[in-house]
């Protein structure tokens, strides 16, 4: 973990019965970082042998209320397939993080 006045860079690695995992994230005081802070994050990530290009912004906004159907009867066939496919993609990303660059 790297601490700075503007950010905290966290790296993690581990292993479970499903296999090894590793990753990292940045805590920042502001959702919008200036270029100097971004450059400092990249420099610190490089010191930890992290690929800073893989540190992507996270969208924590709430989904549109029409994204989740209230019942399967309200969906047509193709709408249901699209809904189920999205679930499977999210499941795959959960099992193997970093597999899908959604953002």
N, C-alpha and C. Protein backbone atom coordinates (compact mmCIF):
# COMPACT_ATOMS: atom_id res chain seq x y z
N UNK A 1 0.84 -1.19 0.00
CA UNK A 1 0.00 0.00 0.00
C UNK A 1 0.88 1.24 0.00
N UNK A 2 0.59 2.16 -0.87
CA UNK A 2 1.32 3.43 -0.97
C UNK A 2 0.38 4.54 -0.50
N UNK A 3 0.82 5.32 0.49
CA UNK A 3 0.03 6.44 1.00
C UNK A 3 0.61 7.76 0.52
N UNK A 4 -0.23 8.65 0.14
CA UNK A 4 0.14 9.99 -0.27
C UNK A 4 -0.92 10.94 0.29
N UNK A 5 -0.67 12.23 0.19
CA UNK A 5 -1.69 13.17 0.65
C UNK A 5 -2.92 13.15 -0.25
N UNK A 6 -2.73 12.79 -1.53
CA UNK A 6 -3.82 12.84 -2.50
C UNK A 6 -4.47 11.50 -2.77
N UNK A 7 -3.76 10.39 -2.49
CA UNK A 7 -4.30 9.09 -2.84
C UNK A 7 -3.66 7.99 -2.01
N UNK A 8 -4.32 6.83 -2.02
CA UNK A 8 -3.77 5.59 -1.44
C UNK A 8 -3.86 4.54 -2.54
N UNK A 9 -2.73 3.95 -2.87
CA UNK A 9 -2.67 2.90 -3.89
C UNK A 9 -2.58 1.56 -3.17
N UNK A 10 -3.51 0.67 -3.47
CA UNK A 10 -3.58 -0.64 -2.80
C UNK A 10 -3.35 -1.74 -3.84
N UNK A 11 -2.48 -2.67 -3.53
CA UNK A 11 -2.25 -3.83 -4.38
C UNK A 11 -2.56 -5.07 -3.55
N UNK A 12 -3.20 -6.06 -4.17
CA UNK A 12 -3.50 -7.29 -3.44
C UNK A 12 -3.24 -8.50 -4.33
N UNK A 13 -2.89 -9.60 -3.69
CA UNK A 13 -2.66 -10.87 -4.37
C UNK A 13 -3.12 -11.96 -3.43
N UNK A 14 -3.61 -13.05 -3.98
CA UNK A 14 -4.05 -14.16 -3.14
C UNK A 14 -4.32 -15.39 -3.97
N UNK A 15 -4.78 -16.41 -3.28
CA UNK A 15 -5.09 -17.68 -3.95
C UNK A 15 -6.25 -18.35 -3.23
N UNK A 16 -7.17 -18.87 -4.01
CA UNK A 16 -8.28 -19.65 -3.47
C UNK A 16 -8.33 -20.96 -4.25
N UNK A 17 -9.31 -21.78 -3.94
CA UNK A 17 -9.48 -23.04 -4.66
C UNK A 17 -9.81 -22.79 -6.14
N UNK A 18 -10.31 -21.59 -6.46
CA UNK A 18 -10.61 -21.24 -7.85
C UNK A 18 -9.36 -20.78 -8.60
N UNK A 19 -8.29 -20.52 -7.90
CA UNK A 19 -7.05 -20.08 -8.53
C UNK A 19 -6.53 -18.80 -7.91
N UNK A 20 -5.48 -18.30 -8.49
CA UNK A 20 -4.84 -17.09 -8.00
C UNK A 20 -5.59 -15.85 -8.48
N UNK A 21 -5.44 -14.78 -7.73
CA UNK A 21 -6.02 -13.51 -8.13
C UNK A 21 -5.10 -12.39 -7.68
N UNK A 22 -5.17 -11.30 -8.37
CA UNK A 22 -4.39 -10.12 -8.00
C UNK A 22 -5.06 -8.89 -8.60
N UNK A 23 -4.78 -7.77 -8.02
CA UNK A 23 -5.37 -6.54 -8.52
C UNK A 23 -4.91 -5.36 -7.70
N UNK A 24 -5.57 -4.27 -7.91
CA UNK A 24 -5.24 -3.06 -7.18
C UNK A 24 -6.30 -2.02 -7.40
N UNK A 25 -6.25 -1.02 -6.57
CA UNK A 25 -7.18 0.09 -6.71
C UNK A 25 -6.61 1.32 -6.02
N UNK A 26 -7.21 2.44 -6.30
CA UNK A 26 -6.76 3.73 -5.75
C UNK A 26 -7.91 4.36 -4.99
N UNK A 27 -7.64 4.74 -3.76
CA UNK A 27 -8.56 5.60 -3.01
C UNK A 27 -8.07 7.03 -3.24
N UNK A 28 -8.99 7.94 -3.55
CA UNK A 28 -8.61 9.33 -3.75
C UNK A 28 -9.57 10.24 -3.01
N UNK A 29 -9.09 11.42 -2.69
CA UNK A 29 -9.93 12.40 -1.98
C UNK A 29 -10.98 13.02 -2.90
N UNK A 30 -10.73 12.96 -4.18
CA UNK A 30 -11.64 13.58 -5.15
C UNK A 30 -11.91 12.59 -6.28
N UNK A 31 -13.12 12.63 -6.85
CA UNK A 31 -13.39 11.74 -7.99
C UNK A 31 -12.67 12.18 -9.27
N UNK A 32 -12.24 13.42 -9.31
CA UNK A 32 -11.53 13.96 -10.47
C UNK A 32 -10.10 14.27 -10.07
N UNK A 33 -9.16 13.55 -10.68
CA UNK A 33 -7.76 13.71 -10.34
C UNK A 33 -7.05 14.58 -11.37
N UNK A 34 -6.17 15.46 -10.89
CA UNK A 34 -5.40 16.26 -11.83
C UNK A 34 -4.28 15.40 -12.43
N UNK A 35 -3.69 15.89 -13.49
CA UNK A 35 -2.69 15.11 -14.22
C UNK A 35 -1.46 14.80 -13.36
N UNK A 36 -1.10 15.70 -12.48
CA UNK A 36 0.05 15.48 -11.60
C UNK A 36 -0.20 14.28 -10.67
N UNK A 37 -1.40 14.21 -10.11
CA UNK A 37 -1.75 13.08 -9.23
C UNK A 37 -1.77 11.78 -10.03
N UNK A 38 -2.34 11.81 -11.22
CA UNK A 38 -2.38 10.62 -12.07
C UNK A 38 -0.96 10.16 -12.38
N UNK A 39 -0.07 11.08 -12.69
CA UNK A 39 1.32 10.73 -12.97
C UNK A 39 1.99 10.11 -11.74
N UNK A 40 1.69 10.64 -10.56
CA UNK A 40 2.25 10.08 -9.32
C UNK A 40 1.72 8.66 -9.06
N UNK A 41 0.45 8.43 -9.34
CA UNK A 41 -0.13 7.10 -9.19
C UNK A 41 0.56 6.12 -10.13
N UNK A 42 0.75 6.52 -11.39
CA UNK A 42 1.43 5.66 -12.36
C UNK A 42 2.86 5.36 -11.94
N UNK A 43 3.54 6.35 -11.39
CA UNK A 43 4.92 6.15 -10.93
C UNK A 43 4.97 5.15 -9.77
N UNK A 44 4.07 5.30 -8.81
CA UNK A 44 4.03 4.38 -7.67
C UNK A 44 3.61 2.98 -8.10
N UNK A 45 2.68 2.90 -9.04
CA UNK A 45 2.24 1.59 -9.54
C UNK A 45 3.40 0.87 -10.23
N UNK A 46 4.19 1.61 -10.97
CA UNK A 46 5.34 1.02 -11.65
C UNK A 46 6.34 0.45 -10.64
N UNK A 47 6.51 1.14 -9.51
CA UNK A 47 7.42 0.66 -8.45
C UNK A 47 6.94 -0.68 -7.89
N UNK A 48 5.62 -0.92 -7.94
CA UNK A 48 5.04 -2.17 -7.45
C UNK A 48 4.86 -3.20 -8.56
N UNK A 49 5.44 -2.93 -9.73
CA UNK A 49 5.30 -3.79 -10.91
C UNK A 49 3.85 -3.96 -11.33
N UNK A 50 3.07 -2.91 -11.14
CA UNK A 50 1.67 -2.92 -11.58
C UNK A 50 1.57 -2.22 -12.94
N UNK A 51 0.67 -2.68 -13.78
CA UNK A 51 0.40 -2.03 -15.05
C UNK A 51 -0.64 -0.95 -14.80
N UNK A 52 -0.22 0.28 -14.74
CA UNK A 52 -1.13 1.38 -14.39
C UNK A 52 -2.21 1.59 -15.45
N UNK A 53 -1.99 1.08 -16.67
CA UNK A 53 -3.01 1.21 -17.71
C UNK A 53 -4.24 0.36 -17.40
N UNK A 54 -4.10 -0.60 -16.49
CA UNK A 54 -5.23 -1.45 -16.11
C UNK A 54 -6.06 -0.84 -14.98
N UNK A 55 -5.60 0.26 -14.39
CA UNK A 55 -6.37 0.95 -13.35
C UNK A 55 -7.38 1.85 -14.06
N UNK A 56 -8.62 1.42 -14.08
CA UNK A 56 -9.67 2.14 -14.80
C UNK A 56 -10.66 2.77 -13.84
N UNK A 57 -11.29 3.87 -14.23
CA UNK A 57 -12.31 4.48 -13.37
C UNK A 57 -13.49 3.54 -13.16
N UNK A 58 -14.06 3.59 -12.00
CA UNK A 58 -15.22 2.77 -11.66
C UNK A 58 -16.45 3.66 -11.68
N UNK A 59 -17.50 3.17 -12.30
CA UNK A 59 -18.77 3.89 -12.35
C UNK A 59 -19.68 3.33 -11.26
N UNK A 60 -19.82 4.05 -10.16
CA UNK A 60 -20.67 3.61 -9.06
C UNK A 60 -22.06 4.23 -9.11
N UNK A 61 -22.43 4.75 -10.27
CA UNK A 61 -23.76 5.35 -10.38
C UNK A 61 -24.83 4.26 -10.39
N UNK A 62 -26.03 4.63 -10.02
CA UNK A 62 -27.14 3.68 -10.01
C UNK A 62 -27.60 3.42 -11.44
N UNK A 63 -27.97 2.19 -11.75
CA UNK A 63 -28.45 1.90 -13.10
C UNK A 63 -29.81 2.54 -13.35
N UNK A 64 -30.10 2.72 -14.62
CA UNK A 64 -31.40 3.23 -15.02
C UNK A 64 -32.48 2.29 -14.48
N UNK A 65 -33.56 2.82 -14.00
CA UNK A 65 -34.59 1.98 -13.38
C UNK A 65 -35.19 0.97 -14.37
N UNK A 66 -35.04 1.20 -15.68
CA UNK A 66 -35.59 0.28 -16.67
C UNK A 66 -34.64 -0.88 -16.97
N UNK A 67 -33.45 -0.89 -16.38
CA UNK A 67 -32.47 -1.94 -16.65
C UNK A 67 -32.95 -3.28 -16.11
N UNK A 68 -33.49 -3.29 -14.91
CA UNK A 68 -33.93 -4.54 -14.30
C UNK A 68 -35.44 -4.70 -14.44
N UNK A 69 -35.88 -5.75 -15.08
CA UNK A 69 -37.32 -5.97 -15.22
C UNK A 69 -37.93 -6.41 -13.90
N UNK A 70 -39.19 -6.09 -13.72
CA UNK A 70 -39.85 -6.49 -12.47
C UNK A 70 -40.32 -7.94 -12.54
N UNK A 71 -40.52 -8.47 -13.75
CA UNK A 71 -40.90 -9.87 -13.89
C UNK A 71 -40.56 -10.36 -15.28
N UNK A 72 -40.38 -11.67 -15.42
CA UNK A 72 -40.02 -12.23 -16.73
C UNK A 72 -41.16 -12.12 -17.73
N UNK A 73 -42.39 -12.00 -17.23
CA UNK A 73 -43.53 -11.87 -18.14
C UNK A 73 -43.49 -10.55 -18.90
N UNK A 74 -42.83 -9.55 -18.34
CA UNK A 74 -42.78 -8.24 -18.98
C UNK A 74 -41.76 -8.17 -20.10
N UNK A 75 -40.94 -9.21 -20.26
CA UNK A 75 -39.89 -9.19 -21.26
C UNK A 75 -40.24 -10.06 -22.45
N UNK A 76 -39.83 -9.59 -23.63
CA UNK A 76 -39.93 -10.42 -24.82
C UNK A 76 -38.75 -11.38 -24.85
N UNK A 77 -38.73 -12.26 -25.82
CA UNK A 77 -37.68 -13.29 -25.91
C UNK A 77 -36.29 -12.67 -26.01
N UNK A 78 -36.09 -11.74 -26.95
CA UNK A 78 -34.76 -11.16 -27.15
C UNK A 78 -34.33 -10.29 -25.98
N UNK A 79 -35.28 -9.62 -25.37
CA UNK A 79 -34.98 -8.83 -24.19
C UNK A 79 -34.50 -9.75 -23.05
N UNK A 80 -35.14 -10.90 -22.92
CA UNK A 80 -34.75 -11.87 -21.89
C UNK A 80 -33.35 -12.43 -22.16
N UNK A 81 -33.05 -12.74 -23.42
CA UNK A 81 -31.72 -13.25 -23.80
C UNK A 81 -30.65 -12.20 -23.48
N UNK A 82 -30.94 -10.95 -23.82
CA UNK A 82 -29.99 -9.87 -23.54
C UNK A 82 -29.77 -9.73 -22.03
N UNK A 83 -30.83 -9.82 -21.26
CA UNK A 83 -30.74 -9.73 -19.80
C UNK A 83 -29.90 -10.87 -19.24
N UNK A 84 -30.16 -12.09 -19.67
CA UNK A 84 -29.42 -13.26 -19.18
C UNK A 84 -27.96 -13.20 -19.62
N UNK A 85 -27.70 -12.77 -20.84
CA UNK A 85 -26.31 -12.67 -21.33
C UNK A 85 -25.53 -11.67 -20.48
N UNK A 86 -26.16 -10.55 -20.12
CA UNK A 86 -25.49 -9.57 -19.27
C UNK A 86 -25.13 -10.17 -17.92
N UNK A 87 -26.00 -10.98 -17.38
CA UNK A 87 -25.73 -11.64 -16.10
C UNK A 87 -24.53 -12.57 -16.24
N UNK A 88 -24.48 -13.35 -17.33
CA UNK A 88 -23.38 -14.29 -17.52
C UNK A 88 -22.05 -13.57 -17.71
N UNK A 89 -22.07 -12.44 -18.41
CA UNK A 89 -20.85 -11.65 -18.59
C UNK A 89 -20.37 -11.14 -17.24
N UNK A 90 -21.27 -10.62 -16.41
CA UNK A 90 -20.89 -10.14 -15.08
C UNK A 90 -20.37 -11.28 -14.22
N UNK A 91 -20.97 -12.46 -14.34
CA UNK A 91 -20.52 -13.62 -13.58
C UNK A 91 -19.11 -14.02 -14.00
N UNK A 92 -18.84 -14.02 -15.29
CA UNK A 92 -17.51 -14.34 -15.80
C UNK A 92 -16.48 -13.35 -15.26
N UNK A 93 -16.84 -12.07 -15.26
CA UNK A 93 -15.92 -11.04 -14.74
C UNK A 93 -15.68 -11.24 -13.25
N UNK A 94 -16.69 -11.69 -12.52
CA UNK A 94 -16.54 -11.93 -11.08
C UNK A 94 -15.59 -13.10 -10.84
N UNK A 95 -15.70 -14.15 -11.65
CA UNK A 95 -14.85 -15.34 -11.50
C UNK A 95 -13.43 -15.05 -11.93
N UNK A 96 -13.25 -14.29 -13.01
CA UNK A 96 -11.92 -13.96 -13.52
C UNK A 96 -11.85 -12.45 -13.73
N UNK A 97 -11.59 -11.69 -12.67
CA UNK A 97 -11.57 -10.23 -12.75
C UNK A 97 -10.57 -9.72 -13.79
N UNK A 98 -10.96 -8.68 -14.49
CA UNK A 98 -10.10 -8.08 -15.50
C UNK A 98 -10.26 -8.71 -16.87
N UNK A 99 -11.14 -9.70 -17.00
CA UNK A 99 -11.32 -10.39 -18.28
C UNK A 99 -12.06 -9.51 -19.28
N UNK A 100 -12.95 -8.69 -18.79
CA UNK A 100 -13.81 -7.89 -19.65
C UNK A 100 -13.60 -6.42 -19.32
N UNK A 101 -13.21 -5.65 -20.30
CA UNK A 101 -13.03 -4.20 -20.11
C UNK A 101 -14.35 -3.52 -20.43
N UNK A 102 -15.22 -3.43 -19.41
CA UNK A 102 -16.55 -2.87 -19.61
C UNK A 102 -16.57 -1.35 -19.56
N UNK A 103 -15.57 -0.73 -18.99
CA UNK A 103 -15.62 0.71 -18.76
C UNK A 103 -14.64 1.40 -19.64
